[in-house]
């Protein structure tokens, strides 16, 4: 009978140990100072791209400079202006003002320039992973497109950076 009692006591003590939460002890030392999470620094290019993405769906209006309607160069100008970066008004002027970037070296926030009807007349903001944001034309809102788009790919004239 003593043996049964000892066995029963061992089981109860074992189970009791499972039900008591044990404090977490890290395997490596940690600081006693609790710090709030820190946001990672954002590059100007990433900020331009993020702001462009935030305007997806905004209506197109020829000559639109924001904050609610845009044409292609007005979209670029509006976003850069928010960041304190002066940008000329037209796509052709933006192309002339931009520091050229090789297409193989483009980064988020860089501008993509398109030659339509023989001249630089369209601009977009590269957002990374082969995508860009632009204000295409009347009847179509600010949208996201791929660099390999059948219409835009053959018209891509170059890329540039204004920051």
C-alpha atoms as a PDB file:
ATOM      1  CA  UNK A   1       0.000   0.000   0.000  1.00  0.00           C
ATOM      2  CA  UNK A   2       2.874   2.373   0.727  1.00  0.00           C
ATOM      3  CA  UNK A   3       4.159   1.718  -2.733  1.00  0.00           C
ATOM      4  CA  UNK A   4       0.799   2.742  -4.260  1.00  0.00           C
ATOM      5  CA  UNK A   5       0.750   5.885  -2.165  1.00  0.00           C
ATOM      6  CA  UNK A   6       4.273   6.824  -3.218  1.00  0.00           C
ATOM      7  CA  UNK A   7       3.417   6.204  -6.875  1.00  0.00           C
ATOM      8  CA  UNK A   8       0.263   8.291  -6.559  1.00  0.00           C
ATOM      9  CA  UNK A   9       2.193  11.128  -4.854  1.00  0.00           C
ATOM     10  CA  UNK A  10       4.830  11.056  -7.618  1.00  0.00           C
ATOM     11  CA  UNK A  11       2.150  11.324 -10.320  1.00  0.00           C
ATOM     12  CA  UNK A  12       0.391  14.194  -8.549  1.00  0.00           C
ATOM     13  CA  UNK A  13       3.649  16.083  -8.047  1.00  0.00           C
ATOM     14  CA  UNK A  14       4.649  15.525 -11.668  1.00  0.00           C
ATOM     15  CA  UNK A  15       1.323  16.760 -12.994  1.00  0.00           C
ATOM     16  CA  UNK A  16       1.339  19.665 -10.583  1.00  0.00           C
ATOM     17  CA  UNK A  17       4.684  20.747 -12.009  1.00  0.00           C
ATOM     18  CA  UNK A  18       3.181  20.809 -15.506  1.00  0.00           C
ATOM     19  CA  UNK A  19       0.347  23.083 -14.508  1.00  0.00           C
ATOM     20  CA  UNK A  20       2.538  25.727 -12.890  1.00  0.00           C
ATOM     21  CA  UNK A  21       3.837  28.201 -15.469  1.00  0.00           C
ATOM     22  CA  UNK A  22       7.583  28.365 -15.436  1.00  0.00           C
ATOM     23  CA  UNK A  23       9.289  31.711 -15.996  1.00  0.00           C
ATOM     24  CA  UNK A  24      11.021  32.122 -19.349  1.00  0.00           C
ATOM     25  CA  UNK A  25      14.758  32.130 -19.022  1.00  0.00           C
ATOM     26  CA  UNK A  26      16.523  33.203 -22.212  1.00  0.00           C
ATOM     27  CA  UNK A  27      19.488  31.134 -23.278  1.00  0.00           C
ATOM     28  CA  UNK A  28      21.474  34.290 -24.026  1.00  0.00           C
ATOM     29  CA  UNK A  29      21.739  37.336 -21.790  1.00  0.00           C
ATOM     30  CA  UNK A  30      19.389  40.218 -22.591  1.00  0.00           C
ATOM     31  CA  UNK A  31      19.449  43.850 -21.635  1.00  0.00           C
ATOM     32  CA  UNK A  32      17.312  45.005 -18.747  1.00  0.00           C
ATOM     33  CA  UNK A  33      16.479  48.204 -20.635  1.00  0.00           C
ATOM     34  CA  UNK A  34      13.221  47.990 -22.562  1.00  0.00           C
ATOM     35  CA  UNK A  35      13.333  50.007 -25.765  1.00  0.00           C
ATOM     36  CA  UNK A  36      10.398  50.801 -28.044  1.00  0.00           C
ATOM     37  CA  UNK A  37      10.531  49.396 -31.580  1.00  0.00           C
ATOM     38  CA  UNK A  38      12.473  51.596 -33.936  1.00  0.00           C
ATOM     39  CA  UNK A  39      11.293  52.189 -37.491  1.00  0.00           C
ATOM     40  CA  UNK A  40      13.895  51.352 -40.068  1.00  0.00           C
ATOM     41  CA  UNK A  41      15.174  54.382 -41.965  1.00  0.00           C
ATOM     42  CA  UNK A  42      13.444  54.920 -45.276  1.00  0.00           C
ATOM     43  CA  UNK A  43      15.349  56.087 -48.322  1.00  0.00           C
ATOM     44  CA  UNK A  44      14.024  59.002 -50.361  1.00  0.00           C
ATOM     45  CA  UNK A  45      13.389  56.605 -53.247  1.00  0.00           C
ATOM     46  CA  UNK A  46      11.329  54.246 -51.093  1.00  0.00           C
ATOM     47  CA  UNK A  47       9.347  57.186 -49.749  1.00  0.00           C
ATOM     48  CA  UNK A  48       8.606  58.379 -53.307  1.00  0.00           C
ATOM     49  CA  UNK A  49       7.458  54.861 -54.246  1.00  0.00           C
ATOM     50  CA  UNK A  50       5.298  54.475 -51.126  1.00  0.00           C
ATOM     51  CA  UNK A  51       3.612  57.817 -51.739  1.00  0.00           C
ATOM     52  CA  UNK A  52       2.977  56.884 -55.372  1.00  0.00           C
ATOM     53  CA  UNK A  53       1.370  53.597 -54.336  1.00  0.00           C
ATOM     54  CA  UNK A  54      -0.817  55.468 -51.827  1.00  0.00           C
ATOM     55  CA  UNK A  55      -2.336  57.431 -54.719  1.00  0.00           C
ATOM     56  CA  UNK A  56      -3.484  54.392 -56.718  1.00  0.00           C
ATOM     57  CA  UNK A  57      -7.032  54.945 -57.892  1.00  0.00           C
ATOM     58  CA  UNK A  58      -6.860  58.762 -57.885  1.00  0.00           C
ATOM     59  CA  UNK A  59      -8.594  60.201 -60.957  1.00  0.00           C
ATOM     60  CA  UNK A  60      -6.655  61.295 -64.030  1.00  0.00           C
ATOM     61  CA  UNK A  61      -7.104  64.860 -65.203  1.00  0.00           C
ATOM     62  CA  UNK A  62      -5.003  66.480 -67.893  1.00  0.00           C
ATOM     63  CA  UNK A  63      -2.974  69.162 -66.103  1.00  0.00           C
ATOM     64  CA  UNK A  64      -3.839  67.649 -62.710  1.00  0.00           C
ATOM     65  CA  UNK A  65      -1.244  68.568 -60.097  1.00  0.00           C
ATOM     66  CA  UNK A  66      -2.916  66.970 -57.081  1.00  0.00           C
ATOM     67  CA  UNK A  67      -3.903  66.593 -54.398  1.00  0.00           C
ATOM     68  CA  UNK A  68      -6.937  64.748 -55.794  1.00  0.00           C
ATOM     69  CA  UNK A  69      -6.413  64.558 -59.575  1.00  0.00           C
ATOM     70  CA  UNK A  70      -3.258  63.978 -61.575  1.00  0.00           C
ATOM     71  CA  UNK A  71      -1.716  63.709 -64.980  1.00  0.00           C
ATOM     72  CA  UNK A  72       1.548  61.772 -65.260  1.00  0.00           C
ATOM     73  CA  UNK A  73       3.993  64.612 -64.647  1.00  0.00           C
ATOM     74  CA  UNK A  74       1.686  66.227 -62.084  1.00  0.00           C
ATOM     75  CA  UNK A  75       1.779  62.990 -60.070  1.00  0.00           C
ATOM     76  CA  UNK A  76       5.597  63.006 -60.083  1.00  0.00           C
ATOM     77  CA  UNK A  77       5.740  66.685 -59.212  1.00  0.00           C
ATOM     78  CA  UNK A  78       3.163  66.412 -56.397  1.00  0.00           C
ATOM     79  CA  UNK A  79       5.003  63.558 -54.657  1.00  0.00           C
ATOM     80  CA  UNK A  80       8.436  65.141 -54.945  1.00  0.00           C
ATOM     81  CA  UNK A  81       7.061  68.497 -53.785  1.00  0.00           C
ATOM     82  CA  UNK A  82       5.774  66.812 -50.596  1.00  0.00           C
ATOM     83  CA  UNK A  83       9.376  65.794 -49.924  1.00  0.00           C
ATOM     84  CA  UNK A  84      10.776  69.266 -50.650  1.00  0.00           C
ATOM     85  CA  UNK A  85      12.270  68.309 -54.013  1.00  0.00           C
ATOM     86  CA  UNK A  86      11.725  70.763 -56.870  1.00  0.00           C
ATOM     87  CA  UNK A  87      10.558  69.088 -60.075  1.00  0.00           C
ATOM     88  CA  UNK A  88       9.779  70.727 -63.421  1.00  0.00           C
ATOM     89  CA  UNK A  89       6.202  70.458 -64.697  1.00  0.00           C
ATOM     90  CA  UNK A  90       6.250  68.386 -67.905  1.00  0.00           C
ATOM     91  CA  UNK A  91       7.511  64.865 -68.580  1.00  0.00           C
ATOM     92  CA  UNK A  92      10.028  66.240 -71.117  1.00  0.00           C
ATOM     93  CA  UNK A  93      11.347  68.807 -68.603  1.00  0.00           C
ATOM     94  CA  UNK A  94      11.577  66.110 -65.917  1.00  0.00           C
ATOM     95  CA  UNK A  95      13.512  63.903 -68.336  1.00  0.00           C
ATOM     96  CA  UNK A  96      15.987  66.732 -68.979  1.00  0.00           C
ATOM     97  CA  UNK A  97      16.371  67.518 -65.263  1.00  0.00           C
ATOM     98  CA  UNK A  98      16.789  63.917 -64.071  1.00  0.00           C
ATOM     99  CA  UNK A  99      20.147  62.274 -63.495  1.00  0.00           C
ATOM    100  CA  UNK A 100      20.144  59.305 -65.899  1.00  0.00           C
ATOM    101  CA  UNK A 101      19.973  55.819 -64.365  1.00  0.00           C
ATOM    102  CA  UNK A 102      20.749  52.687 -66.385  1.00  0.00           C
ATOM    103  CA  UNK A 103      17.642  50.531 -66.738  1.00  0.00           C
ATOM    104  CA  UNK A 104      19.490  47.640 -65.102  1.00  0.00           C
ATOM    105  CA  UNK A 105      20.164  49.843 -62.040  1.00  0.00           C
ATOM    106  CA  UNK A 106      16.729  51.352 -61.382  1.00  0.00           C
ATOM    107  CA  UNK A 107      15.508  51.514 -57.810  1.00  0.00           C
ATOM    108  CA  UNK A 108      12.196  52.407 -56.189  1.00  0.00           C
ATOM    109  CA  UNK A 109      11.453  56.102 -56.636  1.00  0.00           C
ATOM    110  CA  UNK A 110      13.304  56.409 -59.938  1.00  0.00           C
ATOM    111  CA  UNK A 111      11.381  57.860 -62.845  1.00  0.00           C
ATOM    112  CA  UNK A 112      10.646  55.986 -66.048  1.00  0.00           C
ATOM    113  CA  UNK A 113      10.274  58.036 -69.215  1.00  0.00           C
ATOM    114  CA  UNK A 114       8.303  56.936 -72.248  1.00  0.00           C
ATOM    115  CA  UNK A 115       8.482  58.116 -75.817  1.00  0.00           C
ATOM    116  CA  UNK A 116       4.945  58.276 -77.186  1.00  0.00           C
ATOM    117  CA  UNK A 117       4.290  59.728 -80.655  1.00  0.00           C
ATOM    118  CA  UNK A 118       8.030  60.269 -81.125  1.00  0.00           C
ATOM    119  CA  UNK A 119       8.738  62.412 -78.054  1.00  0.00           C
ATOM    120  CA  UNK A 120       9.145  62.046 -74.293  1.00  0.00           C
ATOM    121  CA  UNK A 121       5.573  62.636 -73.215  1.00  0.00           C
ATOM    122  CA  UNK A 122       4.916  60.214 -70.379  1.00  0.00           C
ATOM    123  CA  UNK A 123       6.541  59.592 -66.993  1.00  0.00           C
ATOM    124  CA  UNK A 124       6.006  57.005 -64.262  1.00  0.00           C
ATOM    125  CA  UNK A 125       7.460  56.167 -60.844  1.00  0.00           C
ATOM    126  CA  UNK A 126       9.245  52.851 -60.447  1.00  0.00           C
ATOM    127  CA  UNK A 127       8.114  51.009 -57.303  1.00  0.00           C
ATOM    128  CA  UNK A 128      10.352  47.936 -57.455  1.00  0.00           C
ATOM    129  CA  UNK A 129       9.947  44.339 -58.597  1.00  0.00           C
ATOM    130  CA  UNK A 130       9.276  45.358 -62.200  1.00  0.00           C
ATOM    131  CA  UNK A 131       6.305  47.597 -61.388  1.00  0.00           C
ATOM    132  CA  UNK A 132       5.544  51.269 -61.825  1.00  0.00           C
ATOM    133  CA  UNK A 133       2.797  53.721 -60.858  1.00  0.00           C
ATOM    134  CA  UNK A 134       1.534  56.267 -63.355  1.00  0.00           C
ATOM    135  CA  UNK A 135      -1.419  58.441 -64.316  1.00  0.00           C
ATOM    136  CA  UNK A 136      -2.179  57.028 -67.781  1.00  0.00           C
ATOM    137  CA  UNK A 137      -4.926  59.007 -69.520  1.00  0.00           C
ATOM    138  CA  UNK A 138      -8.426  60.380 -69.285  1.00  0.00           C
ATOM    139  CA  UNK A 139     -10.837  57.738 -68.056  1.00  0.00           C
ATOM    140  CA  UNK A 140      -8.171  55.654 -66.298  1.00  0.00           C
ATOM    141  CA  UNK A 141      -7.097  56.402 -62.716  1.00  0.00           C
ATOM    142  CA  UNK A 142      -3.584  56.279 -61.302  1.00  0.00           C
ATOM    143  CA  UNK A 143      -2.596  52.659 -61.721  1.00  0.00           C
ATOM    144  CA  UNK A 144       0.118  50.067 -61.249  1.00  0.00           C
ATOM    145  CA  UNK A 145       1.688  48.444 -64.322  1.00  0.00           C
ATOM    146  CA  UNK A 146       4.505  46.040 -65.069  1.00  0.00           C
ATOM    147  CA  UNK A 147       7.642  47.021 -66.980  1.00  0.00           C
ATOM    148  CA  UNK A 148       6.982  44.186 -69.422  1.00  0.00           C
ATOM    149  CA  UNK A 149       3.563  45.667 -70.342  1.00  0.00           C
ATOM    150  CA  UNK A 150       2.959  45.236 -74.082  1.00  0.00           C
ATOM    151  CA  UNK A 151       2.190  48.926 -74.610  1.00  0.00           C
ATOM    152  CA  UNK A 152       4.812  50.546 -72.371  1.00  0.00           C
ATOM    153  CA  UNK A 153       7.816  48.203 -72.777  1.00  0.00           C
ATOM    154  CA  UNK A 154       8.655  49.212 -76.380  1.00  0.00           C
ATOM    155  CA  UNK A 155       8.143  52.905 -75.564  1.00  0.00           C
ATOM    156  CA  UNK A 156      10.461  53.031 -72.518  1.00  0.00           C
ATOM    157  CA  UNK A 157      13.091  55.657 -73.374  1.00  0.00           C
ATOM    158  CA  UNK A 158      15.058  55.717 -70.147  1.00  0.00           C
ATOM    159  CA  UNK A 159      15.130  56.225 -66.414  1.00  0.00           C
ATOM    160  CA  UNK A 160      16.269  59.011 -64.147  1.00  0.00           C
ATOM    161  CA  UNK A 161      16.416  60.235 -60.586  1.00  0.00           C
ATOM    162  CA  UNK A 162      15.477  63.645 -59.200  1.00  0.00           C
ATOM    163  CA  UNK A 163      16.747  63.240 -55.611  1.00  0.00           C
END
